[in-house]
Amino acid sequence: MSGDIESGTCELCNKESVVLNRTYYHYDIKCKCHSPNHFILVRHCDTCVPKEPETLILNTSDLKTII
């Protein structure tokens, strides 16, 4: 549904009951867990600025192609 507002706990500062923004980091890795490519989702409040993770952890059983 378009226009829905998500609320909950910020993954970065742990503030509770806040409106959450979503930031996606997409990777050119085909996997079973996401389609068509792997991504990481960070849910954060308005005051936090997310940064792309420095480490990417994948289960090899979730990969469609081996890198």
N, C-alpha and C. Protein backbone atom coordinates (compact mmCIF):
# COMPACT_ATOMS: atom_id res chain seq x y z
N MET A 1 0.84 -1.18 0.00
CA MET A 1 0.00 0.00 0.00
C MET A 1 0.88 1.24 0.00
N SER A 2 0.59 2.16 -0.85
CA SER A 2 1.34 3.39 -0.94
C SER A 2 0.89 4.36 0.14
N GLY A 3 1.84 5.09 0.71
CA GLY A 3 1.50 6.09 1.70
C GLY A 3 1.46 5.59 3.13
N ASP A 4 1.72 4.31 3.35
CA ASP A 4 1.74 3.78 4.71
C ASP A 4 2.98 4.30 5.44
N ILE A 5 2.82 4.57 6.72
CA ILE A 5 3.93 5.04 7.54
C ILE A 5 4.31 3.91 8.49
N GLU A 6 5.60 3.58 8.49
CA GLU A 6 6.10 2.53 9.37
C GLU A 6 6.63 3.17 10.65
N SER A 7 6.32 2.57 11.77
CA SER A 7 6.87 3.05 13.04
C SER A 7 7.44 1.87 13.80
N GLY A 8 8.35 2.17 14.70
CA GLY A 8 8.99 1.13 15.48
C GLY A 8 10.26 1.64 16.11
N THR A 9 11.28 0.79 16.20
CA THR A 9 12.54 1.13 16.84
C THR A 9 13.61 1.38 15.77
N CYS A 10 14.31 2.50 15.89
CA CYS A 10 15.40 2.84 14.97
C CYS A 10 16.51 1.82 15.13
N GLU A 11 16.99 1.25 14.02
CA GLU A 11 18.05 0.25 14.06
C GLU A 11 19.41 0.86 14.39
N LEU A 12 19.53 2.18 14.30
CA LEU A 12 20.82 2.83 14.54
C LEU A 12 20.95 3.39 15.95
N CYS A 13 19.93 4.09 16.45
CA CYS A 13 20.03 4.71 17.77
C CYS A 13 19.12 4.06 18.81
N ASN A 14 18.30 3.11 18.38
CA ASN A 14 17.38 2.37 19.26
C ASN A 14 16.27 3.20 19.88
N LYS A 15 15.99 4.39 19.32
CA LYS A 15 14.82 5.14 19.78
C LYS A 15 13.59 4.31 19.47
N GLU A 16 12.65 4.28 20.41
CA GLU A 16 11.46 3.46 20.24
C GLU A 16 10.26 4.32 19.87
N SER A 17 9.30 3.69 19.20
CA SER A 17 8.03 4.34 18.79
C SER A 17 8.27 5.59 17.96
N VAL A 18 9.14 5.49 16.96
CA VAL A 18 9.41 6.61 16.05
C VAL A 18 8.98 6.23 14.64
N VAL A 19 8.74 7.26 13.83
CA VAL A 19 8.47 7.03 12.41
C VAL A 19 9.79 6.60 11.77
N LEU A 20 9.74 5.52 10.99
CA LEU A 20 10.96 4.96 10.41
C LEU A 20 11.05 5.27 8.91
N ASN A 21 12.26 5.61 8.50
CA ASN A 21 12.60 5.74 7.08
C ASN A 21 13.29 4.46 6.68
N ARG A 22 13.27 4.16 5.39
CA ARG A 22 13.94 2.97 4.87
C ARG A 22 15.03 3.39 3.89
N THR A 23 16.22 2.85 4.11
CA THR A 23 17.31 3.05 3.17
C THR A 23 17.76 1.66 2.71
N TYR A 24 17.83 1.49 1.39
CA TYR A 24 18.21 0.20 0.80
C TYR A 24 19.61 0.31 0.20
N TYR A 25 20.40 -0.73 0.40
CA TYR A 25 21.69 -0.86 -0.25
C TYR A 25 21.62 -2.11 -1.13
N HIS A 26 21.74 -1.91 -2.45
CA HIS A 26 21.59 -2.99 -3.42
C HIS A 26 22.96 -3.49 -3.88
N TYR A 27 23.04 -4.81 -4.06
CA TYR A 27 24.27 -5.46 -4.50
C TYR A 27 23.98 -6.34 -5.70
N ASP A 28 24.92 -6.38 -6.62
CA ASP A 28 24.76 -7.17 -7.84
C ASP A 28 25.10 -8.64 -7.57
N ILE A 29 24.34 -9.22 -6.64
CA ILE A 29 24.52 -10.62 -6.26
C ILE A 29 23.15 -11.28 -6.32
N LYS A 30 23.00 -12.28 -7.16
CA LYS A 30 21.73 -12.98 -7.25
C LYS A 30 21.60 -13.92 -6.06
N CYS A 31 20.46 -13.86 -5.38
CA CYS A 31 20.27 -14.70 -4.20
C CYS A 31 18.82 -15.17 -4.12
N LYS A 32 18.58 -16.14 -3.26
CA LYS A 32 17.22 -16.66 -3.06
C LYS A 32 16.42 -15.80 -2.09
N CYS A 33 17.12 -15.05 -1.23
CA CYS A 33 16.41 -14.30 -0.19
C CYS A 33 15.82 -12.99 -0.71
N HIS A 34 16.33 -12.44 -1.81
CA HIS A 34 15.82 -11.20 -2.38
C HIS A 34 15.73 -11.36 -3.89
N SER A 35 14.92 -10.55 -4.50
CA SER A 35 14.76 -10.67 -5.94
C SER A 35 14.83 -9.29 -6.58
N PRO A 36 15.52 -9.09 -7.68
CA PRO A 36 16.36 -10.07 -8.36
C PRO A 36 17.77 -10.12 -7.77
N ASN A 37 18.17 -9.07 -7.01
CA ASN A 37 19.51 -9.05 -6.43
C ASN A 37 19.45 -8.80 -4.93
N HIS A 38 20.53 -9.17 -4.26
CA HIS A 38 20.60 -9.02 -2.81
C HIS A 38 20.57 -7.54 -2.41
N PHE A 39 19.93 -7.25 -1.29
CA PHE A 39 19.96 -5.90 -0.74
C PHE A 39 19.92 -5.97 0.78
N ILE A 40 20.33 -4.87 1.39
CA ILE A 40 20.25 -4.71 2.84
C ILE A 40 19.34 -3.53 3.10
N LEU A 41 18.42 -3.70 4.03
CA LEU A 41 17.46 -2.66 4.41
C LEU A 41 17.81 -2.15 5.80
N VAL A 42 17.91 -0.82 5.94
CA VAL A 42 18.14 -0.20 7.23
C VAL A 42 16.93 0.67 7.55
N ARG A 43 16.28 0.40 8.69
CA ARG A 43 15.14 1.20 9.15
C ARG A 43 15.68 2.17 10.20
N HIS A 44 15.49 3.48 9.95
CA HIS A 44 16.09 4.50 10.81
C HIS A 44 15.17 5.69 10.99
N CYS A 45 15.40 6.43 12.08
CA CYS A 45 14.60 7.63 12.37
C CYS A 45 15.12 8.82 11.55
N ASP A 46 14.43 9.95 11.64
CA ASP A 46 14.81 11.14 10.88
C ASP A 46 16.16 11.73 11.30
N THR A 47 16.56 11.53 12.54
CA THR A 47 17.81 12.13 13.00
C THR A 47 19.04 11.30 12.68
N CYS A 48 18.88 10.04 12.34
CA CYS A 48 20.02 9.17 12.04
C CYS A 48 20.31 9.15 10.54
N VAL A 49 21.58 9.10 10.21
CA VAL A 49 22.02 9.00 8.82
C VAL A 49 22.68 7.64 8.64
N PRO A 50 22.04 6.74 7.89
CA PRO A 50 22.62 5.40 7.73
C PRO A 50 23.85 5.43 6.83
N LYS A 51 24.74 4.48 7.07
CA LYS A 51 25.93 4.30 6.23
C LYS A 51 25.91 2.88 5.69
N GLU A 52 26.40 2.73 4.48
CA GLU A 52 26.46 1.41 3.88
C GLU A 52 27.35 0.50 4.71
N PRO A 53 26.90 -0.72 4.98
CA PRO A 53 27.71 -1.65 5.78
C PRO A 53 29.06 -1.91 5.13
N GLU A 54 30.09 -2.01 5.96
CA GLU A 54 31.43 -2.30 5.45
C GLU A 54 31.61 -3.79 5.17
N THR A 55 30.81 -4.61 5.83
CA THR A 55 30.90 -6.06 5.69
C THR A 55 29.56 -6.61 5.21
N LEU A 56 29.61 -7.50 4.26
CA LEU A 56 28.42 -8.15 3.74
C LEU A 56 28.51 -9.63 4.06
N ILE A 57 27.54 -10.14 4.83
CA ILE A 57 27.54 -11.54 5.22
C ILE A 57 26.40 -12.25 4.50
N LEU A 58 26.74 -13.33 3.79
CA LEU A 58 25.74 -14.10 3.05
C LEU A 58 25.90 -15.57 3.39
N ASN A 59 24.79 -16.28 3.41
CA ASN A 59 24.83 -17.74 3.49
C ASN A 59 24.99 -18.26 2.07
N THR A 60 25.98 -19.09 1.83
CA THR A 60 26.20 -19.57 0.47
C THR A 60 25.02 -20.39 -0.04
N SER A 61 24.23 -20.96 0.86
CA SER A 61 23.06 -21.72 0.42
C SER A 61 21.97 -20.81 -0.16
N ASP A 62 22.04 -19.50 0.13
CA ASP A 62 21.07 -18.55 -0.40
C ASP A 62 21.47 -17.99 -1.76
N LEU A 63 22.69 -18.24 -2.19
CA LEU A 63 23.17 -17.70 -3.46
C LEU A 63 22.63 -18.52 -4.62
N LYS A 64 22.26 -17.81 -5.70
CA LYS A 64 21.87 -18.49 -6.93
C LYS A 64 23.08 -18.73 -7.80
N THR A 65 24.07 -17.85 -7.71
CA THR A 65 25.32 -18.03 -8.43
C THR A 65 26.45 -17.79 -7.46
N ILE A 66 27.51 -18.53 -7.59
CA ILE A 66 28.68 -18.38 -6.73
C ILE A 66 29.55 -17.27 -7.30
N ILE A 67 30.03 -16.43 -6.42
CA ILE A 67 30.85 -15.28 -6.85
C ILE A 67 32.29 -15.74 -6.98
